[in-house]
Structures are given as C-alpha cells and as structure tokens.
C-alpha cells in the first residue's frame, strides 16, 4: 500500500467518524446489505447486534490507524483470521464482507467523495486484510474450537467468579494470551477471557470473570454458570508474554481481573530456573478487589525475583462486603492507597523495564499516559487492543 492509498482510506473513514451517528449508520447499512445480499451469513451472528456493530467499527478503526505499521498490523490480522475459524468462516465470506462494506461506505459518503480512486484504495486495503486473515486461517493446524466442561465455579465477590474448565484436548497458548468463549446460555455471543494459569498437558484452564453491569454475557457467567456446563473456546490471541521482554526486568500492572494474564505469566516463570526481576502491582477499587493476593504471596515466597505490591483506590471495603479484613496474608507487602497508575508512576519512570498493563480500557490508558509523562518510552509499554 502506498501513501496515497492509505491517505484516501484514512480520509474516507474520518468522514464517517466525524459525524455523531456516523459509525452507527455505517454499520447498520453494512449489515443490512450483507444480510440482504448474502442471507446465509446471518446465522453466524447473534440475535442482538449492538455489541457486534461496536466491535466492527473499533476493529476497522484499529486497522485504518495502523496501515503503515505492518509489523504490528499483519500479526494482528493473522490472529483474527485464526480466531474467525470458530465461526466456520470460509474464503467466500471475506468476499461478501468486503463487497458489503464498500457498498455501505459508498452509500454513506456519496458520489462526490467516493471516486474511482477511493474505490480502488478501499478494495486494495480490504484485499490485504482478507488475504492476511485467510492465509493465517488456512495455515493453522490447531482445531478451530476446543470444547470445555465446567468443573469448578466459585463466586469470590458478588460480581466476580473463578471458573475452572476441563478441555476436550489440551490447548497450547502462551501465558498472557486470551481466548474467546461461548457459553450455552448465550449462543453466538463470544467474549474474550484471559486464562489465569499457564497451559498444561492436562487441559485444565481457569478464568477470572467479573460481571459487567448491563452486559449480555459476563453477569450470566458469574451468576449462572454450573458445573457440567459445556463451553466452546476459540484460538489463543494476544501478544503479551514473557517472550516479548527480551530478558529485561519487568513491571506488571494489573487491576481487577486484569491480574489473570499476569498471574499466568508469573506462574509460568516460576517453573523456570532463571528469570529477570519482576515487580507486580495488583490493583482494585477496594481492598476486597485484591482477591488473589494469597496466590501471588505464595509465589513471591519461593521466587526471590518476584515483588508484589497491592494497591487499592479506597482504604475501606464497600458496605456490602462481609468477608472481613483478611484480604491480604499476614506479613505481605504494605498495601498502598491511590489510583494505581498514579501510584506506580510516582515511583519513577521504570524506563529500563518491559512493562505490561492489564485491566479496563480506561485504566490502561490512564496508567500508560502517566508512565509516559514520567519519562517511560512508549515502546516499553505493552497491552492488548483496547476494544
């Protein structure tokens, strides 16, 4: 893709994003065209499309913003291609999506903006996206989905549960990656969860799930999962992991259930003989949100390279919490109070460390900006895509 092609695609997409209801109108038009001209693909999508429309816009924006950054864009698209195998996607579906998106964009922008040159630019970009995803999917030897049986479900807080599954066959993934899951009560509604343990030959996997108010899937996972439920899991995704640290000391910052992929990495590192120094900050709104400190404490006792610091925004637990004050083991590192990004940034730039941040999109952005303002190079900071 040359600079002219990228500029035309980016300018066109910005015209959509500039209008208040632009993204919503575009996605509604896209799916209307897709389902009308290719009715067979409707069965691949959930009945409620609001979340799906939002994901489409964010994924498209992510790609458009990184058209020059092929070093990161192409691996991202390859992962998406491998992940889309869980839907039963074939090459013809990519053609259908590309044709429908071009028609929706042409309808949205009008003939004055949508010239033949713009049409060629978009078809070229969508061709690169489709060919990368198709190539990665066709080259994959792992199964498109794994089956999983729930063997444990424990509600830790009123909106947080630890769920353990036995997979139908072991899954190879790097500690720190995430997978998509589908549960019986929400067919065709896939959600991303990070394993809290490294891959193992027994095929056991653990997820930490927080129920999001108003969410379609997470409240059901927390409150209605039962032992014996059958789940489906997609291919591993994400680029977090110890391998990206290149041997440097590490700083890990996790908030809420964002601690899960960091915990998995620390557990994997504990199985090795040599490791860099690792400082993990575990954060939450209240002390009770630091629900997995016992595990991290036990790991730190037997691994001198590991330091764990708990942080909570509030000094006291909420009124509804009745679990007592045993949120941290005796003798554990002193808990700090404050917003986790501000607390970590106040301790220096951490410029010599490989940094990973896991949590909500708002927490990741705030923490990243605070570290950058304190002198941390952007290239040292890693996190998964925010959508």
Protein backbone atom coordinates (compact mmCIF):
# COMPACT_ATOMS: atom_id res chain seq x y z
CA UNK A 1 0.00 0.00 0.00
CA UNK A 2 1.42 3.37 -0.98
CA UNK A 3 0.94 6.61 0.93
CA UNK A 4 -1.76 7.82 -1.47
CA UNK A 5 -3.87 4.71 -0.91
CA UNK A 6 -3.51 4.98 2.86
CA UNK A 7 -4.41 8.68 2.80
CA UNK A 8 -7.58 8.11 0.76
CA UNK A 9 -8.77 5.29 3.03
CA UNK A 10 -7.99 7.22 6.18
CA UNK A 11 -9.70 10.41 4.94
CA UNK A 12 -12.82 8.50 3.96
CA UNK A 13 -13.02 6.73 7.29
CA UNK A 14 -12.53 10.00 9.17
CA UNK A 15 -15.53 11.42 7.28
CA UNK A 16 -17.60 8.62 8.81
CA UNK A 17 -16.20 9.07 12.31
CA UNK A 18 -16.66 12.85 12.20
CA UNK A 19 -20.46 12.63 12.32
CA UNK A 20 -22.10 11.92 15.66
CA UNK A 21 -24.07 8.94 14.38
CA UNK A 22 -21.69 8.15 11.53
CA UNK A 23 -20.27 4.84 12.81
CA UNK A 24 -23.72 3.58 13.80
CA UNK A 25 -25.23 4.49 10.41
CA UNK A 26 -22.34 2.85 8.59
CA UNK A 27 -22.57 -0.43 10.50
CA UNK A 28 -26.35 -0.59 10.20
CA UNK A 29 -26.06 -0.08 6.46
CA UNK A 30 -23.25 -2.63 6.20
CA UNK A 31 -25.13 -5.39 8.00
CA UNK A 32 -28.36 -4.61 6.11
CA UNK A 33 -26.52 -5.01 2.79
CA UNK A 34 -24.61 -8.10 3.99
CA UNK A 35 -27.71 -9.94 5.22
CA UNK A 36 -29.81 -8.95 2.19
CA UNK A 37 -27.27 -9.96 -0.45
CA UNK A 38 -25.74 -12.90 1.42
CA UNK A 39 -28.60 -14.20 3.62
CA UNK A 40 -26.71 -17.35 4.57
CA UNK A 41 -24.25 -15.43 6.73
CA UNK A 42 -26.96 -14.22 9.16
CA UNK A 43 -26.74 -17.47 11.08
CA UNK A 44 -23.15 -16.67 12.07
CA UNK A 45 -24.22 -13.62 14.09
CA UNK A 46 -26.09 -13.23 17.41
CA UNK A 47 -29.69 -12.08 17.51
CA UNK A 48 -28.73 -8.82 19.27
CA UNK A 49 -26.30 -6.92 17.04
CA UNK A 50 -25.43 -3.82 19.12
CA UNK A 51 -22.21 -5.22 20.52
CA UNK A 52 -21.25 -6.70 17.16
CA UNK A 53 -21.64 -3.32 15.42
CA UNK A 54 -19.45 -1.64 18.00
CA UNK A 55 -16.74 -4.27 17.60
CA UNK A 56 -16.74 -3.87 13.82
CA UNK A 57 -16.13 -0.12 13.99
CA UNK A 58 -13.37 -0.45 16.57
CA UNK A 59 -11.60 -3.22 14.67
CA UNK A 60 -11.81 -1.26 11.44
CA UNK A 61 -10.51 1.89 13.16
CA UNK A 62 -7.63 -0.10 14.64
CA UNK A 63 -6.62 -1.31 11.19
CA UNK A 64 -7.01 2.08 9.48
CA UNK A 65 -4.84 3.74 12.14
CA UNK A 66 -2.03 1.21 11.57
CA UNK A 67 -1.87 0.83 7.81
CA UNK A 68 1.77 1.96 7.77
CA UNK A 69 2.65 -0.17 10.79
CA UNK A 70 2.57 -3.53 9.03
CA UNK A 71 4.93 -5.03 11.62
CA UNK A 72 2.08 -4.92 14.14
CA UNK A 73 -0.97 -4.87 11.83
CA UNK A 74 -0.25 -8.09 9.93
CA UNK A 75 0.25 -10.27 13.05
CA UNK A 76 -2.96 -8.78 14.46
CA UNK A 77 -4.87 -9.68 11.29
CA UNK A 78 -3.33 -13.16 11.26
CA UNK A 79 -4.62 -13.75 14.78
CA UNK A 80 -8.07 -12.56 13.75
CA UNK A 81 -8.03 -14.95 10.81
CA UNK A 82 -7.16 -17.89 13.04
CA UNK A 83 -9.81 -16.84 15.54
CA UNK A 84 -12.54 -16.50 12.88
CA UNK A 85 -12.31 -20.21 12.15
CA UNK A 86 -14.55 -20.78 15.18
CA UNK A 87 -17.45 -19.28 13.20
CA UNK A 88 -16.98 -21.67 10.28
CA UNK A 89 -15.74 -18.80 8.12
CA UNK A 90 -14.61 -19.68 4.57
CA UNK A 91 -12.93 -17.61 1.85
CA UNK A 92 -16.25 -16.60 0.26
CA UNK A 93 -17.36 -14.91 3.48
CA UNK A 94 -14.44 -12.47 3.26
CA UNK A 95 -15.55 -11.51 -0.26
CA UNK A 96 -19.09 -10.94 0.99
CA UNK A 97 -17.90 -8.74 3.86
CA UNK A 98 -15.59 -6.71 1.62
CA UNK A 99 -18.23 -6.10 -1.04
CA UNK A 100 -20.85 -5.12 1.53
CA UNK A 101 -18.51 -2.73 3.35
CA UNK A 102 -17.54 -0.97 0.13
CA UNK A 103 -21.21 -0.54 -0.80
CA UNK A 104 -22.03 0.79 2.68
CA UNK A 105 -19.15 3.30 2.54
CA UNK A 106 -20.16 4.43 -0.95
CA UNK A 107 -23.73 4.98 0.22
CA UNK A 108 -22.58 6.88 3.29
CA UNK A 109 -20.10 9.23 1.59
CA UNK A 110 -21.90 9.89 -1.68
CA UNK A 111 -20.51 10.18 -5.19
CA UNK A 112 -18.65 13.43 -4.56
CA UNK A 113 -16.28 11.79 -2.09
CA UNK A 114 -16.43 8.21 -3.34
CA UNK A 115 -14.42 8.46 -6.55
CA UNK A 116 -12.98 5.61 -8.60
CA UNK A 117 -9.63 6.23 -6.94
CA UNK A 118 -11.17 5.93 -3.46
CA UNK A 119 -12.95 2.75 -4.54
CA UNK A 120 -9.65 1.22 -5.69
CA UNK A 121 -7.92 2.28 -2.47
CA UNK A 122 -10.52 0.65 -0.24
CA UNK A 123 -10.58 -2.53 -2.32
CA UNK A 124 -6.80 -2.75 -2.09
CA UNK A 125 -6.78 -2.31 1.70
CA UNK A 126 -9.64 -4.75 2.22
CA UNK A 127 -7.86 -7.19 -0.06
CA UNK A 128 -4.76 -7.07 2.13
CA UNK A 129 -6.86 -7.56 5.25
CA UNK A 130 -8.77 -10.50 3.77
CA UNK A 131 -5.74 -12.22 2.25
CA UNK A 132 -3.79 -11.97 5.51
CA UNK A 133 -6.65 -13.42 7.55
CA UNK A 134 -7.37 -16.17 5.00
CA UNK A 135 -3.71 -17.14 4.74
CA UNK A 136 -3.31 -17.42 8.51
CA UNK A 137 -6.54 -19.41 8.87
CA UNK A 138 -5.64 -21.86 6.12
CA UNK A 139 -2.15 -22.40 7.55
CA UNK A 140 -3.39 -23.19 11.06
CA UNK A 141 -3.17 -26.81 12.19
CA UNK A 142 -4.88 -26.45 15.58
CA UNK A 143 -8.63 -27.10 15.85
CA UNK A 144 -10.95 -24.13 15.20
CA UNK A 145 -12.58 -24.61 18.62
CA UNK A 146 -11.99 -26.51 21.83
CA UNK A 147 -14.75 -27.95 23.98
CA UNK A 148 -14.62 -27.35 27.71
CA UNK A 149 -16.58 -28.76 30.65
CA UNK A 150 -17.00 -26.60 33.74
CA UNK A 151 -15.50 -28.46 36.71
CA UNK A 152 -15.47 -25.61 39.22
CA UNK A 153 -17.33 -22.36 39.86
CA UNK A 154 -16.69 -20.20 42.91
CA UNK A 155 -18.12 -16.74 43.49
CA UNK A 156 -15.35 -14.74 45.18
CA UNK A 157 -17.30 -11.48 45.34
CA UNK A 158 -20.88 -10.71 44.46
CA UNK A 159 -19.80 -9.79 40.92
CA UNK A 160 -16.68 -11.92 40.46
CA UNK A 161 -16.22 -15.65 39.99
CA UNK A 162 -13.36 -18.08 39.41
CA UNK A 163 -14.35 -20.71 36.83
CA UNK A 164 -12.32 -23.82 36.02
CA UNK A 165 -12.76 -26.00 32.94
CA UNK A 166 -11.50 -29.33 31.66
CA UNK A 167 -10.78 -29.00 27.95
CA UNK A 168 -11.64 -31.74 25.46
CA UNK A 169 -7.96 -31.65 24.43
CA UNK A 170 -5.01 -29.63 25.71
CA UNK A 171 -4.62 -26.12 24.28
CA UNK A 172 -1.21 -24.63 23.61
CA UNK A 173 -1.09 -20.95 24.46
CA UNK A 174 1.45 -18.52 25.81
CA UNK A 175 0.84 -17.35 29.37
CA UNK A 176 -0.59 -13.85 28.97
CA UNK A 177 -2.72 -14.59 25.91
CA UNK A 178 -6.53 -14.56 25.85
CA UNK A 179 -9.21 -16.71 24.21
CA UNK A 180 -12.80 -16.22 23.10
CA UNK A 181 -15.50 -18.26 24.84
CA UNK A 182 -19.11 -19.12 24.08
CA UNK A 183 -21.46 -20.43 26.76
CA UNK A 184 -24.75 -22.37 26.31
CA UNK A 185 -26.95 -19.55 27.61
CA UNK A 186 -25.58 -17.03 25.08
CA UNK A 187 -25.20 -18.77 21.70
CA UNK A 188 -23.12 -16.95 19.05
CA UNK A 189 -22.09 -14.32 21.61
CA UNK A 190 -18.34 -14.78 22.04
CA UNK A 191 -16.45 -12.97 24.78
CA UNK A 192 -12.72 -12.72 25.46
CA UNK A 193 -11.23 -14.06 28.69
CA UNK A 194 -7.61 -14.45 29.80
CA UNK A 195 -6.53 -17.76 31.32
CA UNK A 196 -5.22 -17.26 34.85
CA UNK A 197 -2.92 -20.28 34.60
CA UNK A 198 -0.30 -21.36 32.05
CA UNK A 199 -1.09 -24.08 29.53
CA UNK A 200 -0.74 -27.62 30.84
CA UNK A 201 -0.80 -31.14 29.45
CA UNK A 202 -3.95 -31.97 31.47
CA UNK A 203 -6.04 -29.44 29.57
CA UNK A 204 -7.19 -27.60 32.71
CA UNK A 205 -7.86 -23.89 32.39
CA UNK A 206 -9.03 -21.23 34.84
CA UNK A 207 -10.78 -17.92 34.20
CA UNK A 208 -11.48 -14.98 36.49
CA UNK A 209 -14.71 -13.27 35.42
CA UNK A 210 -16.20 -10.00 36.64
CA UNK A 211 -19.85 -9.30 35.84
CA UNK A 212 -20.22 -6.04 33.92
CA UNK A 213 -23.42 -4.16 34.76
CA UNK A 214 -25.73 -4.31 31.74
CA UNK A 215 -23.50 -6.83 29.95
CA UNK A 216 -25.02 -9.64 27.89
CA UNK A 217 -22.61 -12.41 28.87
CA UNK A 218 -20.45 -11.69 31.94
CA UNK A 219 -23.31 -11.48 34.52
CA UNK A 220 -24.51 -14.88 33.30
CA UNK A 221 -21.01 -16.31 33.64
CA UNK A 222 -20.70 -15.08 37.21
CA UNK A 223 -24.17 -15.89 38.49
CA UNK A 224 -25.48 -18.78 36.41
CA UNK A 225 -22.54 -21.00 35.45
CA UNK A 226 -22.97 -24.56 36.70
CA UNK A 227 -20.60 -27.49 36.99
CA UNK A 228 -21.09 -29.65 33.90
CA UNK A 229 -21.84 -26.73 31.54
CA UNK A 230 -20.29 -27.15 28.11
CA UNK A 231 -18.32 -24.21 26.71
CA UNK A 232 -16.62 -23.58 23.38
CA UNK A 233 -13.23 -21.83 23.24
CA UNK A 234 -11.55 -20.21 20.24
CA UNK A 235 -7.87 -19.97 19.31
CA UNK A 236 -5.44 -18.13 21.62
CA UNK A 237 -4.91 -14.45 20.81
CA UNK A 238 -2.78 -11.58 22.07
CA UNK A 239 0.89 -10.68 22.20
CA UNK A 240 1.52 -10.35 25.93
CA UNK A 241 4.03 -12.74 27.38
CA UNK A 242 7.48 -13.07 28.82
CA UNK A 243 9.00 -13.68 25.37
CA UNK A 244 8.49 -10.02 24.46
CA UNK A 245 10.61 -8.80 27.37
CA UNK A 246 13.91 -9.74 25.67
CA UNK A 247 15.42 -10.60 29.06
CA UNK A 248 14.81 -7.19 30.64
CA UNK A 249 13.42 -6.73 34.11
CA UNK A 250 9.65 -6.50 34.04
CA UNK A 251 6.93 -4.29 35.51
CA UNK A 252 3.41 -5.74 35.52
CA UNK A 253 0.37 -3.64 36.42
CA UNK A 254 -2.98 -5.41 36.77
CA UNK A 255 -6.32 -4.14 38.03
CA UNK A 256 -9.28 -6.33 38.97
CA UNK A 257 -9.46 -9.46 36.83
CA UNK A 258 -6.70 -7.91 34.71
CA UNK A 259 -4.36 -9.69 37.12
CA UNK A 260 -5.25 -13.04 35.46
CA UNK A 261 -2.86 -12.90 32.44
CA UNK A 262 -0.08 -11.51 34.66
CA UNK A 263 -0.63 -14.26 37.22
CA UNK A 264 -0.40 -16.87 34.45
CA UNK A 265 2.94 -15.45 33.33
CA UNK A 266 4.35 -15.39 36.85
CA UNK A 267 3.26 -19.00 37.37
CA UNK A 268 4.95 -19.98 34.09
CA UNK A 269 8.14 -18.14 35.08
CA UNK A 270 8.17 -19.92 38.45
CA UNK A 271 8.73 -23.17 36.54
CA UNK A 272 11.99 -21.86 35.04
CA UNK A 273 15.44 -21.74 36.58
CA UNK A 274 16.39 -18.17 35.60
CA UNK A 275 14.18 -15.09 35.41
CA UNK A 276 14.53 -11.32 35.28
CA UNK A 277 13.32 -9.27 38.22
CA UNK A 278 9.55 -8.84 38.14
CA UNK A 279 7.57 -6.24 40.09
CA UNK A 280 3.80 -6.79 40.02
CA UNK A 281 1.33 -4.13 41.15
CA UNK A 282 -2.09 -5.62 41.94
CA UNK A 283 -4.86 -3.01 41.99
CA UNK A 284 -8.56 -2.64 42.69
CA UNK A 285 -11.14 -0.12 43.81
CA UNK A 286 -11.42 -1.62 47.30
CA UNK A 287 -9.19 -3.93 49.37
CA UNK A 288 -11.57 -6.83 48.71
CA UNK A 289 -10.98 -6.45 44.96
CA UNK A 290 -7.45 -7.74 45.55
CA UNK A 291 -8.97 -11.19 45.58
CA UNK A 292 -5.96 -13.26 44.50
CA UNK A 293 -3.23 -11.89 46.76
CA UNK A 294 -2.81 -15.23 48.53
CA UNK A 295 -1.61 -16.86 45.29
CA UNK A 296 0.74 -14.00 44.48
CA UNK A 297 2.09 -14.03 48.03
CA UNK A 298 2.84 -17.75 47.88
CA UNK A 299 4.64 -17.27 44.58
CA UNK A 300 6.74 -14.43 45.97
CA UNK A 301 7.82 -16.53 48.98
CA UNK A 302 9.55 -19.11 46.80
CA UNK A 303 10.74 -16.84 43.97
CA UNK A 304 13.12 -14.08 45.11
CA UNK A 305 12.97 -12.36 41.71
CA UNK A 306 9.27 -11.53 42.31
CA UNK A 307 7.97 -8.47 44.19
CA UNK A 308 4.23 -7.92 44.61
CA UNK A 309 2.70 -4.64 45.76
CA UNK A 310 -1.06 -4.34 46.47
CA UNK A 311 -2.84 -1.04 45.71
CA UNK A 312 -6.45 0.00 46.33
CA UNK A 313 -8.15 3.28 45.50
CA UNK A 314 -10.15 3.23 48.74
CA UNK A 315 -8.88 2.45 52.22
CA UNK A 316 -12.01 0.56 53.32
CA UNK A 317 -14.17 -2.14 51.77
CA UNK A 318 -17.68 -1.31 50.46
CA UNK A 319 -20.64 -1.63 52.79
CA UNK A 320 -21.93 -4.81 51.13
CA UNK A 321 -18.70 -6.76 51.60
CA UNK A 322 -18.96 -9.14 54.53
CA UNK A 323 -15.75 -11.10 54.13
CA UNK A 324 -13.87 -9.49 56.98
CA UNK A 325 -10.46 -7.87 56.65
CA UNK A 326 -8.49 -10.92 55.53
CA UNK A 327 -7.90 -9.59 52.01
CA UNK A 328 -4.11 -9.96 52.35
CA UNK A 329 -1.95 -12.56 54.09
CA UNK A 330 -0.11 -11.61 57.25
CA UNK A 331 3.37 -10.34 56.52
CA UNK A 332 2.52 -9.26 52.98
CA UNK A 333 3.90 -6.08 51.43
CA UNK A 334 2.16 -2.96 52.78
CA UNK A 335 -0.90 -2.07 50.75
CA UNK A 336 -0.74 1.35 49.14
CA UNK A 337 -3.76 3.61 48.64
CA UNK A 338 -4.45 5.57 45.48
CA UNK A 339 -5.15 5.28 41.77
CA UNK A 340 -2.82 2.53 40.56
CA UNK A 341 -1.37 4.43 37.60
CA UNK A 342 -0.55 7.41 39.78
CA UNK A 343 0.99 5.21 42.47
CA UNK A 344 3.22 3.34 40.03
CA UNK A 345 4.29 6.50 38.14
CA UNK A 346 5.20 8.20 41.43
CA UNK A 347 7.92 5.59 41.96
CA UNK A 348 9.91 6.56 38.87
CA UNK A 349 9.91 6.21 35.12
CA UNK A 350 10.62 2.43 35.06
CA UNK A 351 12.34 3.24 31.78
CA UNK A 352 14.61 0.18 31.87
CA UNK A 353 11.79 -2.31 32.28
CA UNK A 354 9.48 -4.15 29.94
CA UNK A 355 6.01 -3.03 31.06
CA UNK A 356 2.67 -4.78 30.74
CA UNK A 357 -0.67 -3.23 31.72
CA UNK A 358 -3.88 -5.27 32.07
CA UNK A 359 -7.31 -4.04 33.10
CA UNK A 360 -10.17 -1.94 31.77
CA UNK A 361 -9.50 0.29 28.73
CA UNK A 362 -9.78 3.41 30.92
CA UNK A 363 -7.31 2.04 33.46
CA UNK A 364 -4.85 1.03 30.74
CA UNK A 365 -4.98 4.43 29.02
CA UNK A 366 -4.66 6.40 32.26
CA UNK A 367 -1.76 4.30 33.52
CA UNK A 368 0.02 4.41 30.18
CA UNK A 369 -0.27 8.21 29.94
CA UNK A 370 1.02 8.68 33.49
CA UNK A 371 4.04 6.48 32.81
CA UNK A 372 4.79 8.25 29.54
CA UNK A 373 4.50 11.65 31.24
CA UNK A 374 7.06 10.43 33.78
CA UNK A 375 9.59 9.53 31.11
CA UNK A 376 8.77 5.94 30.21
CA UNK A 377 9.39 5.25 26.49
CA UNK A 378 6.19 4.26 24.70
CA UNK A 379 7.93 1.29 23.08
CA UNK A 380 8.49 -0.26 26.51
CA UNK A 381 4.75 -0.42 27.28
CA UNK A 382 2.62 -3.33 26.10
CA UNK A 383 -1.08 -4.09 26.40
CA UNK A 384 -3.73 -5.86 24.35
CA UNK A 385 -6.01 -3.93 21.96
CA UNK A 386 -8.48 -1.83 23.93
CA UNK A 387 -11.69 -2.91 22.16
